[in-house]
Amino acid sequence: MRFRAELPRETHPLLASIVKRFESIDSAGVSRGRRRAVLMLSPKGLSMSAVAATEDVLAFAELSTDLFVDFRVASQAEDCILVSLALAHLRAVRAPPSRVAPGDTRAPQV
């Protein structure tokens, strides 16, 4: 299994707004903290779902590979990688500080 992507700086706010909406789903109701995020990485792009403990899909987002400078997925399962994690863990992911020198237009790697 391999995954590599470069997310341009101008798309960071879009991804942050999606994560924030997923956060609001997890912070409401009795099953707080028991909801999961399911990520599917495929050659078509990145799909994110918020799933309740009852397996109901609460939210869905699909990001095209066009949002990334470089997007590669390879696996023995038809080049699809599924990741399931608690929504709280998705919230905990923050972009690392940029290591790009001023004036450098290259996108930081994610």
Protein backbone atom coordinates (compact mmCIF):
# COMPACT_ATOMS: atom_id res chain seq x y z
CA MET A 1 0.00 0.00 0.00
CA ARG A 2 1.34 3.40 -0.96
CA PHE A 3 -0.11 6.87 -0.91
CA ARG A 4 1.46 10.21 -1.76
CA ALA A 5 -0.12 13.61 -2.26
CA GLU A 6 0.92 17.24 -2.37
CA LEU A 7 -1.74 19.69 -1.28
CA PRO A 8 -1.24 23.25 -2.55
CA ARG A 9 -1.44 25.94 0.10
CA GLU A 10 -4.52 27.53 -1.54
CA THR A 11 -6.55 24.34 -0.96
CA HIS A 12 -5.77 24.16 2.79
CA PRO A 13 -8.83 26.28 3.74
CA LEU A 14 -11.13 23.96 1.78
CA LEU A 15 -9.83 20.86 3.53
CA ALA A 16 -9.95 22.63 6.91
CA SER A 17 -13.60 23.61 6.36
CA ILE A 18 -14.52 20.00 5.54
CA VAL A 19 -12.80 18.74 8.70
CA LYS A 20 -14.55 21.46 10.72
CA ARG A 21 -17.97 20.32 9.45
CA PHE A 22 -17.10 16.75 10.36
CA GLU A 23 -16.08 18.00 13.83
CA SER A 24 -19.50 19.60 14.35
CA ILE A 25 -21.16 16.26 13.55
CA ASP A 26 -19.09 14.51 16.21
CA SER A 27 -19.64 17.11 18.91
CA ALA A 28 -23.44 16.82 18.82
CA GLY A 29 -25.58 14.17 20.45
CA VAL A 30 -25.21 11.28 22.82
CA SER A 31 -22.76 9.27 20.77
CA ARG A 32 -20.14 12.01 20.94
CA GLY A 33 -16.70 10.59 20.30
CA ARG A 34 -18.08 7.29 18.99
CA ARG A 35 -18.49 8.46 15.42
CA ARG A 36 -15.93 7.46 12.84
CA ALA A 37 -14.40 8.92 9.72
CA VAL A 38 -13.88 6.57 6.83
CA LEU A 39 -11.38 7.72 4.20
CA MET A 40 -11.11 6.07 0.82
CA LEU A 41 -8.06 6.86 -1.26
CA SER A 42 -8.32 5.86 -4.91
CA PRO A 43 -6.97 7.05 -8.26
CA LYS A 44 -10.18 9.12 -8.57
CA GLY A 45 -9.43 11.10 -5.39
CA LEU A 46 -10.16 11.19 -1.68
CA SER A 47 -13.59 10.37 -0.24
CA MET A 48 -14.46 11.08 3.38
CA SER A 49 -17.52 9.83 5.27
CA ALA A 50 -18.66 10.48 8.82
CA VAL A 51 -20.29 7.31 10.13
CA ALA A 52 -22.37 6.90 13.29
CA ALA A 53 -22.08 3.94 15.66
CA THR A 54 -25.20 2.58 13.93
CA GLU A 55 -23.29 2.59 10.59
CA ASP A 56 -25.48 5.42 9.24
CA VAL A 57 -23.60 7.84 6.98
CA LEU A 58 -23.93 11.32 8.49
CA ALA A 59 -21.83 13.27 5.99
CA PHE A 60 -19.89 12.65 2.83
CA ALA A 61 -17.23 14.64 0.98
CA GLU A 62 -15.42 13.79 -2.21
CA LEU A 63 -12.24 15.57 -3.26
CA SER A 64 -11.00 15.25 -6.81
CA THR A 65 -7.35 14.63 -7.61
CA ASP A 66 -7.44 18.04 -9.33
CA LEU A 67 -7.11 19.67 -5.88
CA PHE A 68 -3.68 18.10 -5.45
CA VAL A 69 -0.44 18.83 -7.27
CA ASP A 70 0.55 15.18 -7.10
CA PHE A 71 -1.73 12.31 -6.07
CA ARG A 72 -0.69 8.67 -6.20
CA VAL A 73 -2.34 5.59 -4.74
CA ALA A 74 -1.13 2.03 -5.15
CA SER A 75 -2.43 -1.11 -3.49
CA GLN A 76 -3.24 -4.71 -4.31
CA ALA A 77 -6.94 -3.93 -3.73
CA GLU A 78 -7.56 -2.26 -7.11
CA ASP A 79 -5.52 0.76 -6.00
CA CYS A 80 -7.95 1.64 -3.19
CA ILE A 81 -6.96 2.23 0.42
CA LEU A 82 -9.60 2.42 3.17
CA VAL A 83 -8.83 4.04 6.51
CA SER A 84 -11.23 4.13 9.46
CA LEU A 85 -10.51 6.39 12.42
CA ALA A 86 -12.36 8.19 15.19
CA LEU A 87 -13.54 11.64 14.14
CA ALA A 88 -11.62 12.94 17.16
CA HIS A 89 -8.40 11.74 15.48
CA LEU A 90 -9.29 13.54 12.28
CA ARG A 91 -9.67 16.71 14.36
CA ALA A 92 -6.25 16.18 15.88
CA VAL A 93 -4.51 16.25 12.50
CA ARG A 94 -3.06 19.65 11.83
CA ALA A 95 -0.86 20.74 8.97
CA PRO A 96 2.82 20.75 9.86
CA PRO A 97 4.55 24.12 9.85
CA SER A 98 5.59 25.07 6.37
CA ARG A 99 9.19 24.38 5.52
CA VAL A 100 8.99 26.30 2.26
CA ALA A 101 11.32 29.26 2.01
CA PRO A 102 9.77 32.69 1.34
CA GLY A 103 9.22 33.16 -2.37
CA ASP A 104 9.28 29.41 -3.09
CA THR A 105 6.07 28.43 -4.91
CA ARG A 106 6.33 24.67 -4.37
CA ALA A 107 3.51 23.10 -2.39
CA PRO A 108 4.28 21.49 0.99
CA GLN A 109 3.89 17.71 0.99
CA VAL A 110 1.07 16.13 2.97
